[in-house]
PDB file of N, CA and C in Angstrom:
ATOM      1  N   UNK A   1       0.844  -1.166   0.000  1.00  0.00           N
ATOM      2  CA  UNK A   1       0.000   0.000   0.000  1.00  0.00           C
ATOM      3  C   UNK A   1       0.894   1.235   0.000  1.00  0.00           C
ATOM      4  N   UNK A   2       0.501   2.250  -0.737  1.00  0.00           N
ATOM      5  CA  UNK A   2       1.272   3.482  -0.816  1.00  0.00           C
ATOM      6  C   UNK A   2       0.458   4.649  -0.287  1.00  0.00           C
ATOM      7  N   UNK A   3       1.142   5.564   0.368  1.00  0.00           N
ATOM      8  CA  UNK A   3       0.495   6.782   0.834  1.00  0.00           C
ATOM      9  C   UNK A   3       1.507   7.909   0.805  1.00  0.00           C
ATOM     10  N   UNK A   4       1.017   9.120   0.915  1.00  0.00           N
ATOM     11  CA  UNK A   4       1.875  10.295   0.898  1.00  0.00           C
ATOM     12  C   UNK A   4       1.933  10.855   2.300  1.00  0.00           C
ATOM     13  N   UNK A   5       3.132  11.150   2.764  1.00  0.00           N
ATOM     14  CA  UNK A   5       3.297  11.703   4.094  1.00  0.00           C
ATOM     15  C   UNK A   5       4.321  12.815   4.064  1.00  0.00           C
ATOM     16  N   UNK A   6       4.577  13.387   5.212  1.00  0.00           N
ATOM     17  CA  UNK A   6       5.561  14.454   5.322  1.00  0.00           C
ATOM     18  C   UNK A   6       6.466  14.146   6.500  1.00  0.00           C
ATOM     19  N   UNK A   7       7.773  14.269   6.280  1.00  0.00           N
ATOM     20  CA  UNK A   7       8.724  14.020   7.352  1.00  0.00           C
ATOM     21  C   UNK A   7       8.630  15.116   8.402  1.00  0.00           C
ATOM     22  N   UNK A   8       8.847  14.739   9.640  1.00  0.00           N
ATOM     23  CA  UNK A   8       8.910  15.719  10.716  1.00  0.00           C
ATOM     24  C   UNK A   8      10.219  16.497  10.576  1.00  0.00           C
ATOM     25  N   UNK A   9      10.234  17.771  10.976  1.00  0.00           N
ATOM     26  CA  UNK A   9      11.466  18.568  10.866  1.00  0.00           C
ATOM     27  C   UNK A   9      12.654  17.941  11.593  1.00  0.00           C
ATOM     28  N   UNK A  10      12.390  17.187  12.665  1.00  0.00           N
ATOM     29  CA  UNK A  10      13.491  16.581  13.430  1.00  0.00           C
ATOM     30  C   UNK A  10      13.937  15.221  12.873  1.00  0.00           C
ATOM     31  N   UNK A  11      13.413  14.825  11.719  1.00  0.00           N
ATOM     32  CA  UNK A  11      13.819  13.553  11.098  1.00  0.00           C
ATOM     33  C   UNK A  11      15.324  13.586  10.822  1.00  0.00           C
ATOM     34  N   UNK A  12      16.000  12.463  11.005  1.00  0.00           N
ATOM     35  CA  UNK A  12      17.441  12.419  10.756  1.00  0.00           C
ATOM     36  C   UNK A  12      17.780  12.858   9.330  1.00  0.00           C
ATOM     37  N   UNK A  13      18.909  13.541   9.143  1.00  0.00           N
ATOM     38  CA  UNK A  13      19.317  13.999   7.809  1.00  0.00           C
ATOM     39  C   UNK A  13      19.359  12.880   6.776  1.00  0.00           C
ATOM     40  N   UNK A  14      19.733  11.672   7.208  1.00  0.00           N
ATOM     41  CA  UNK A  14      19.779  10.559   6.250  1.00  0.00           C
ATOM     42  C   UNK A  14      18.405  10.251   5.677  1.00  0.00           C
ATOM     43  N   UNK A  15      17.349  10.457   6.444  1.00  0.00           N
ATOM     44  CA  UNK A  15      16.002  10.252   5.932  1.00  0.00           C
ATOM     45  C   UNK A  15      15.543  11.443   5.099  1.00  0.00           C
ATOM     46  N   UNK A  16      15.924  12.644   5.500  1.00  0.00           N
ATOM     47  CA  UNK A  16      15.520  13.843   4.776  1.00  0.00           C
ATOM     48  C   UNK A  16      16.058  13.870   3.348  1.00  0.00           C
ATOM     49  N   UNK A  17      17.179  13.221   3.117  1.00  0.00           N
ATOM     50  CA  UNK A  17      17.770  13.182   1.771  1.00  0.00           C
ATOM     51  C   UNK A  17      16.829  12.556   0.757  1.00  0.00           C
ATOM     52  N   UNK A  18      15.916  11.713   1.192  1.00  0.00           N
ATOM     53  CA  UNK A  18      15.047  10.986   0.278  1.00  0.00           C
ATOM     54  C   UNK A  18      13.656  11.593   0.147  1.00  0.00           C
ATOM     55  N   UNK A  19      13.463  12.764   0.720  1.00  0.00           N
ATOM     56  CA  UNK A  19      12.169  13.430   0.631  1.00  0.00           C
ATOM     57  C   UNK A  19      12.143  14.357  -0.579  1.00  0.00           C
ATOM     58  N   UNK A  20      10.936  14.662  -1.044  1.00  0.00           N
ATOM     59  CA  UNK A  20      10.781  15.685  -2.061  1.00  0.00           C
ATOM     60  C   UNK A  20      11.163  17.016  -1.435  1.00  0.00           C
ATOM     61  N   UNK A  21      11.323  18.047  -2.250  1.00  0.00           N
ATOM     62  CA  UNK A  21      11.789  19.342  -1.761  1.00  0.00           C
ATOM     63  C   UNK A  21      10.914  19.918  -0.651  1.00  0.00           C
ATOM     64  N   UNK A  22       9.625  19.608  -0.657  1.00  0.00           N
ATOM     65  CA  UNK A  22       8.732  20.142   0.371  1.00  0.00           C
ATOM     66  C   UNK A  22       8.619  19.217   1.591  1.00  0.00           C
ATOM     67  N   UNK A  23       9.463  18.181   1.670  1.00  0.00           N
ATOM     68  CA  UNK A  23       9.468  17.278   2.810  1.00  0.00           C
ATOM     69  C   UNK A  23       8.531  16.089   2.690  1.00  0.00           C
ATOM     70  N   UNK A  24       7.780  16.026   1.576  1.00  0.00           N
ATOM     71  CA  UNK A  24       6.866  14.902   1.396  1.00  0.00           C
ATOM     72  C   UNK A  24       7.643  13.634   1.042  1.00  0.00           C
ATOM     73  N   UNK A  25       7.089  12.506   1.426  1.00  0.00           N
ATOM     74  CA  UNK A  25       7.651  11.200   1.083  1.00  0.00           C
ATOM     75  C   UNK A  25       6.512  10.278   0.666  1.00  0.00           C
ATOM     76  N   UNK A  26       6.808   9.359  -0.221  1.00  0.00           N
ATOM     77  CA  UNK A  26       5.838   8.314  -0.556  1.00  0.00           C
ATOM     78  C   UNK A  26       6.181   7.102   0.283  1.00  0.00           C
ATOM     79  N   UNK A  27       5.246   6.674   1.080  1.00  0.00           N
ATOM     80  CA  UNK A  27       5.456   5.552   1.987  1.00  0.00           C
ATOM     81  C   UNK A  27       4.741   4.335   1.421  1.00  0.00           C
ATOM     82  N   UNK A  28       5.471   3.251   1.305  1.00  0.00           N
ATOM     83  CA  UNK A  28       4.893   1.986   0.848  1.00  0.00           C
ATOM     84  C   UNK A  28       4.981   1.012   2.011  1.00  0.00           C
ATOM     85  N   UNK A  29       3.885   0.379   2.319  1.00  0.00           N
ATOM     86  CA  UNK A  29       3.873  -0.596   3.406  1.00  0.00           C
ATOM     87  C   UNK A  29       3.554  -1.980   2.849  1.00  0.00           C
ATOM     88  N   UNK A  30       4.073  -2.976   3.535  1.00  0.00           N
ATOM     89  CA  UNK A  30       3.818  -4.366   3.154  1.00  0.00           C
ATOM     90  C   UNK A  30       3.210  -5.060   4.360  1.00  0.00           C
ATOM     91  N   UNK A  31       2.036  -5.570   4.197  1.00  0.00           N
ATOM     92  CA  UNK A  31       1.376  -6.275   5.288  1.00  0.00           C
ATOM     93  C   UNK A  31       1.801  -7.734   5.358  1.00  0.00           C
ATOM     94  N   UNK A  32       1.906  -8.236   6.565  1.00  0.00           N
ATOM     95  CA  UNK A  32       2.304  -9.637   6.775  1.00  0.00           C
ATOM     96  C   UNK A  32       1.358 -10.587   6.054  1.00  0.00           C
ATOM     97  N   UNK A  33       0.061 -10.311   6.109  1.00  0.00           N
ATOM     98  CA  UNK A  33      -0.918 -11.188   5.479  1.00  0.00           C
ATOM     99  C   UNK A  33      -0.881 -11.093   3.953  1.00  0.00           C
ATOM    100  N   UNK A  34      -0.631  -9.905   3.435  1.00  0.00           N
ATOM    101  CA  UNK A  34      -0.657  -9.686   1.990  1.00  0.00           C
ATOM    102  C   UNK A  34       0.526 -10.337   1.283  1.00  0.00           C
ATOM    103  N   UNK A  35       1.710 -10.285   1.912  1.00  0.00           N
ATOM    104  CA  UNK A  35       2.908 -10.820   1.280  1.00  0.00           C
ATOM    105  C   UNK A  35       3.867 -11.290   2.376  1.00  0.00           C
ATOM    106  N   UNK A  36       3.608 -12.456   2.974  1.00  0.00           N
ATOM    107  CA  UNK A  36       4.396 -12.903   4.127  1.00  0.00           C
ATOM    108  C   UNK A  36       5.895 -13.042   3.854  1.00  0.00           C
ATOM    109  N   UNK A  37       6.250 -13.516   2.700  1.00  0.00           N
ATOM    110  CA  UNK A  37       7.672 -13.722   2.395  1.00  0.00           C
ATOM    111  C   UNK A  37       8.416 -12.395   2.312  1.00  0.00           C
ATOM    112  N   UNK A  38       7.853 -11.416   1.606  1.00  0.00           N
ATOM    113  CA  UNK A  38       8.482 -10.107   1.481  1.00  0.00           C
ATOM    114  C   UNK A  38       8.460  -9.383   2.825  1.00  0.00           C
ATOM    115  N   UNK A  39       7.379  -9.533   3.601  1.00  0.00           N
ATOM    116  CA  UNK A  39       7.294  -8.927   4.920  1.00  0.00           C
ATOM    117  C   UNK A  39       8.423  -9.441   5.813  1.00  0.00           C
ATOM    118  N   UNK A  40       8.664 -10.759   5.787  1.00  0.00           N
ATOM    119  CA  UNK A  40       9.750 -11.334   6.604  1.00  0.00           C
ATOM    120  C   UNK A  40      11.099 -10.777   6.179  1.00  0.00           C
ATOM    121  N   UNK A  41      11.331 -10.645   4.878  1.00  0.00           N
ATOM    122  CA  UNK A  41      12.587 -10.083   4.380  1.00  0.00           C
ATOM    123  C   UNK A  41      12.774  -8.656   4.894  1.00  0.00           C
ATOM    124  N   UNK A  42      11.735  -7.823   4.766  1.00  0.00           N
ATOM    125  CA  UNK A  42      11.830  -6.444   5.233  1.00  0.00           C
ATOM    126  C   UNK A  42      12.005  -6.383   6.750  1.00  0.00           C
ATOM    127  N   UNK A  43      11.321  -7.256   7.464  1.00  0.00           N
ATOM    128  CA  UNK A  43      11.431  -7.293   8.923  1.00  0.00           C
ATOM    129  C   UNK A  43      12.866  -7.626   9.343  1.00  0.00           C
ATOM    130  N   UNK A  44      13.473  -8.616   8.721  1.00  0.00           N
ATOM    131  CA  UNK A  44      14.863  -8.991   9.029  1.00  0.00           C
ATOM    132  C   UNK A  44      15.817  -7.859   8.690  1.00  0.00           C
ATOM    133  N   UNK A  45      15.582  -7.199   7.560  1.00  0.00           N
ATOM    134  CA  UNK A  45      16.407  -6.057   7.181  1.00  0.00           C
ATOM    135  C   UNK A  45      16.333  -4.995   8.277  1.00  0.00           C
ATOM    136  N   UNK A  46      15.118  -4.703   8.753  1.00  0.00           N
ATOM    137  CA  UNK A  46      14.929  -3.700   9.791  1.00  0.00           C
ATOM    138  C   UNK A  46      15.634  -4.025  11.092  1.00  0.00           C
ATOM    139  N   UNK A  47      15.784  -5.301  11.398  1.00  0.00           N
ATOM    140  CA  UNK A  47      16.474  -5.712  12.629  1.00  0.00           C
ATOM    141  C   UNK A  47      17.958  -5.369  12.591  1.00  0.00           C
ATOM    142  N   UNK A  48      18.527  -5.271  11.398  1.00  0.00           N
ATOM    143  CA  UNK A  48      19.971  -5.055  11.263  1.00  0.00           C
ATOM    144  C   UNK A  48      20.327  -3.670  10.746  1.00  0.00           C
ATOM    145  N   UNK A  49      19.349  -2.874  10.402  1.00  0.00           N
ATOM    146  CA  UNK A  49      19.602  -1.540   9.850  1.00  0.00           C
ATOM    147  C   UNK A  49      19.639  -0.497  10.956  1.00  0.00           C
ATOM    148  N   UNK A  50      20.256   0.622  10.661  1.00  0.00           N
ATOM    149  CA  UNK A  50      20.277   1.736  11.608  1.00  0.00           C
ATOM    150  C   UNK A  50      18.859   2.224  11.863  1.00  0.00           C
ATOM    151  N   UNK A  51      18.061   2.276  10.801  1.00  0.00           N
ATOM    152  CA  UNK A  51      16.635   2.617  10.909  1.00  0.00           C
ATOM    153  C   UNK A  51      15.877   1.570  10.103  1.00  0.00           C
ATOM    154  N   UNK A  52      14.725   1.137  10.585  1.00  0.00           N
ATOM    155  CA  UNK A  52      13.981   0.091   9.865  1.00  0.00           C
ATOM    156  C   UNK A  52      13.250   0.637   8.641  1.00  0.00           C
ATOM    157  N   UNK A  53      14.027   1.224   7.735  1.00  0.00           N
ATOM    158  CA  UNK A  53      13.475   1.848   6.534  1.00  0.00           C
ATOM    159  C   UNK A  53      14.257   1.338   5.338  1.00  0.00           C
ATOM    160  N   UNK A  54      13.555   0.950   4.313  1.00  0.00           N
ATOM    161  CA  UNK A  54      14.180   0.527   3.063  1.00  0.00           C
ATOM    162  C   UNK A  54      13.759   1.517   1.992  1.00  0.00           C
ATOM    163  N   UNK A  55      14.734   2.147   1.337  1.00  0.00           N
ATOM    164  CA  UNK A  55      14.443   3.133   0.304  1.00  0.00           C
ATOM    165  C   UNK A  55      14.371   2.459  -1.042  1.00  0.00           C
ATOM    166  N   UNK A  56      13.359   2.803  -1.783  1.00  0.00           N
ATOM    167  CA  UNK A  56      13.173   2.276  -3.129  1.00  0.00           C
ATOM    168  C   UNK A  56      13.193   3.457  -4.084  1.00  0.00           C
ATOM    169  N   UNK A  57      14.071   3.425  -5.053  1.00  0.00           N
ATOM    170  CA  UNK A  57      14.099   4.505  -6.032  1.00  0.00           C
ATOM    171  C   UNK A  57      13.321   4.077  -7.258  1.00  0.00           C
ATOM    172  N   UNK A  58      12.675   5.028  -7.869  1.00  0.00           N
ATOM    173  CA  UNK A  58      11.871   4.765  -9.055  1.00  0.00           C
ATOM    174  C   UNK A  58      12.613   5.253 -10.285  1.00  0.00           C
ATOM    175  N   UNK A  59      12.440   4.557 -11.378  1.00  0.00           N
ATOM    176  CA  UNK A  59      13.081   4.950 -12.628  1.00  0.00           C
ATOM    177  C   UNK A  59      11.981   5.231 -13.641  1.00  0.00           C
ATOM    178  N   UNK A  60      11.666   6.512 -13.793  1.00  0.00           N
ATOM    179  CA  UNK A  60      10.631   6.921 -14.731  1.00  0.00           C
ATOM    180  C   UNK A  60      10.640   8.440 -14.837  1.00  0.00           C
ATOM    181  N   UNK A  61       9.954   8.950 -15.824  1.00  0.00           N
ATOM    182  CA  UNK A  61       9.801  10.387 -15.974  1.00  0.00           C
ATOM    183  C   UNK A  61       8.614  10.862 -15.154  1.00  0.00           C
ATOM    184  N   UNK A  62       8.653  12.116 -14.741  1.00  0.00           N
ATOM    185  CA  UNK A  62       7.570  12.701 -13.959  1.00  0.00           C
ATOM    186  C   UNK A  62       6.244  12.548 -14.701  1.00  0.00           C
ATOM    187  N   UNK A  63       5.248  12.020 -14.012  1.00  0.00           N
ATOM    188  CA  UNK A  63       3.940  11.842 -14.606  1.00  0.00           C
ATOM    189  C   UNK A  63       3.779  10.585 -15.427  1.00  0.00           C
ATOM    190  N   UNK A  64       4.816   9.826 -15.578  1.00  0.00           N
ATOM    191  CA  UNK A  64       4.774   8.591 -16.351  1.00  0.00           C
ATOM    192  C   UNK A  64       4.807   7.392 -15.405  1.00  0.00           C
ATOM    193  N   UNK A  65       4.297   6.230 -15.841  1.00  0.00           N
ATOM    194  CA  UNK A  65       4.387   5.038 -14.982  1.00  0.00           C
ATOM    195  C   UNK A  65       5.832   4.573 -14.840  1.00  0.00           C
ATOM    196  N   UNK A  66       6.065   3.745 -13.839  1.00  0.00           N
ATOM    197  CA  UNK A  66       7.400   3.194 -13.615  1.00  0.00           C
ATOM    198  C   UNK A  66       7.855   2.375 -14.811  1.00  0.00           C
ATOM    199  N   UNK A  67       9.159   2.363 -15.031  1.00  0.00           N
ATOM    200  CA  UNK A  67       9.729   1.531 -16.085  1.00  0.00           C
ATOM    201  C   UNK A  67       9.468   0.080 -15.727  1.00  0.00           C
ATOM    202  N   UNK A  68       8.910  -0.669 -16.651  1.00  0.00           N
ATOM    203  CA  UNK A  68       8.582  -2.067 -16.358  1.00  0.00           C
ATOM    204  C   UNK A  68       9.083  -3.029 -17.426  1.00  0.00           C
ATOM    205  N   UNK A  69       9.741  -2.513 -18.419  1.00  0.00           N
ATOM    206  CA  UNK A  69      10.221  -3.345 -19.516  1.00  0.00           C
ATOM    207  C   UNK A  69      11.672  -2.953 -19.800  1.00  0.00           C
ATOM    208  N   UNK A  70      12.507  -3.903 -20.127  1.00  0.00           N
ATOM    209  CA  UNK A  70      13.932  -3.610 -20.316  1.00  0.00           C
ATOM    210  C   UNK A  70      14.208  -2.664 -21.471  1.00  0.00           C
ATOM    211  N   UNK A  71      13.252  -2.430 -22.349  1.00  0.00           N
ATOM    212  CA  UNK A  71      13.452  -1.502 -23.463  1.00  0.00           C
ATOM    213  C   UNK A  71      13.060  -0.078 -23.101  1.00  0.00           C
ATOM    214  N   UNK A  72      12.282   0.103 -22.061  1.00  0.00           N
ATOM    215  CA  UNK A  72      11.770   1.426 -21.714  1.00  0.00           C
ATOM    216  C   UNK A  72      12.813   2.425 -21.210  1.00  0.00           C
ATOM    217  N   UNK A  73      13.893   2.011 -20.545  1.00  0.00           N
ATOM    218  CA  UNK A  73      14.843   3.010 -20.049  1.00  0.00           C
ATOM    219  C   UNK A  73      15.404   3.926 -21.134  1.00  0.00           C
ATOM    220  N   UNK A  74      15.526   3.452 -22.343  1.00  0.00           N
ATOM    221  CA  UNK A  74      16.068   4.308 -23.403  1.00  0.00           C
ATOM    222  C   UNK A  74      15.185   5.528 -23.625  1.00  0.00           C
ATOM    223  N   UNK A  75      13.890   5.394 -23.412  1.00  0.00           N
ATOM    224  CA  UNK A  75      12.979   6.528 -23.565  1.00  0.00           C
ATOM    225  C   UNK A  75      13.306   7.595 -22.516  1.00  0.00           C
ATOM    226  N   UNK A  76      13.644   7.181 -21.310  1.00  0.00           N
ATOM    227  CA  UNK A  76      13.982   8.118 -20.252  1.00  0.00           C
ATOM    228  C   UNK A  76      15.241   8.897 -20.626  1.00  0.00           C
ATOM    229  N   UNK A  77      16.208   8.242 -21.221  1.00  0.00           N
ATOM    230  CA  UNK A  77      17.466   8.905 -21.547  1.00  0.00           C
ATOM    231  C   UNK A  77      17.354   9.849 -22.741  1.00  0.00           C
ATOM    232  N   UNK A  78      16.428   9.608 -23.647  1.00  0.00           N
ATOM    233  CA  UNK A  78      16.309  10.484 -24.816  1.00  0.00           C
ATOM    234  C   UNK A  78      15.205  11.518 -24.661  1.00  0.00           C
ATOM    235  N   UNK A  79      14.539  11.533 -23.510  1.00  0.00           N
ATOM    236  CA  UNK A  79      13.463  12.500 -23.258  1.00  0.00           C
ATOM    237  C   UNK A  79      14.051  13.904 -23.179  1.00  0.00           C
ATOM    238  N   UNK A  80      13.256  14.901 -23.507  1.00  0.00           N
ATOM    239  CA  UNK A  80      13.746  16.283 -23.408  1.00  0.00           C
ATOM    240  C   UNK A  80      14.205  16.613 -21.990  1.00  0.00           C
ATOM    241  N   UNK A  81      15.232  17.416 -21.885  1.00  0.00           N
ATOM    242  CA  UNK A  81      15.777  17.784 -20.574  1.00  0.00           C
ATOM    243  C   UNK A  81      14.773  18.565 -19.741  1.00  0.00           C
ATOM    244  N   UNK A  82      13.764  19.139 -20.360  1.00  0.00           N
ATOM    245  CA  UNK A  82      12.784  19.922 -19.616  1.00  0.00           C
ATOM    246  C   UNK A  82      11.776  19.054 -18.884  1.00  0.00           C
ATOM    247  N   UNK A  83      11.833  17.742 -19.064  1.00  0.00           N
ATOM    248  CA  UNK A  83      10.912  16.842 -18.379  1.00  0.00           C
ATOM    249  C   UNK A  83      11.544  16.435 -17.055  1.00  0.00           C
ATOM    250  N   UNK A  84      11.099  17.046 -15.943  1.00  0.00           N
ATOM    251  CA  UNK A  84      11.745  16.745 -14.655  1.00  0.00           C
ATOM    252  C   UNK A  84      11.378  15.368 -14.129  1.00  0.00           C
ATOM    253  N   UNK A  85      12.283  14.772 -13.427  1.00  0.00           N
ATOM    254  CA  UNK A  85      12.033  13.517 -12.737  1.00  0.00           C
ATOM    255  C   UNK A  85      12.026  13.802 -11.253  1.00  0.00           C
ATOM    256  N   UNK A  86      10.967  13.379 -10.517  1.00  0.00           N
ATOM    257  CA  UNK A  86      10.928  13.662  -9.077  1.00  0.00           C
ATOM    258  C   UNK A  86      12.127  13.111  -8.336  1.00  0.00           C
ATOM    259  N   UNK A  87      12.602  11.937  -8.721  1.00  0.00           N
ATOM    260  CA  UNK A  87      13.735  11.359  -7.998  1.00  0.00           C
ATOM    261  C   UNK A  87      14.991  12.152  -8.243  1.00  0.00           C
ATOM    262  N   UNK A  88      15.152  12.741  -9.416  1.00  0.00           N
ATOM    263  CA  UNK A  88      16.330  13.544  -9.710  1.00  0.00           C
ATOM    264  C   UNK A  88      16.295  14.870  -8.953  1.00  0.00           C
ATOM    265  N   UNK A  89      15.122  15.466  -8.806  1.00  0.00           N
ATOM    266  CA  UNK A  89      15.029  16.745  -8.141  1.00  0.00           C
ATOM    267  C   UNK A  89      15.002  16.601  -6.618  1.00  0.00           C
ATOM    268  N   UNK A  90      14.555  15.476  -6.108  1.00  0.00           N
ATOM    269  CA  UNK A  90      14.410  15.359  -4.653  1.00  0.00           C
ATOM    270  C   UNK A  90      15.644  14.799  -3.964  1.00  0.00           C
ATOM    271  N   UNK A  91      16.571  14.266  -4.696  1.00  0.00           N
ATOM    272  CA  UNK A  91      17.747  13.647  -4.056  1.00  0.00           C
ATOM    273  C   UNK A  91      18.990  14.495  -4.220  1.00  0.00           C
ATOM    274  N   UNK A  92      18.840  15.790  -4.396  1.00  0.00           N
ATOM    275  CA  UNK A  92      20.008  16.654  -4.585  1.00  0.00           C
ATOM    276  C   UNK A  92      20.762  16.873  -3.303  1.00  0.00           C
TER     277      UNK A  92
END
């Protein structure tokens, strides 16, 4: 499940690096019942990480769906420079 949230001002700098310029973040959650195997993997990762957060970067142009086919990335590279990508602008 995905939702939009906003980081608190006191959030650690390492987390703030992954927010959009206005502090918003897209949060994706995985329920134990919905996907037990992936939930266990994320849970184990959280036990060994500094913070129980896994960052997922998206590869797509702003307003376009995520790249899902191995041929699609070439479209991203030849797109006009005026087409901003949220991940490129938010991770500066």
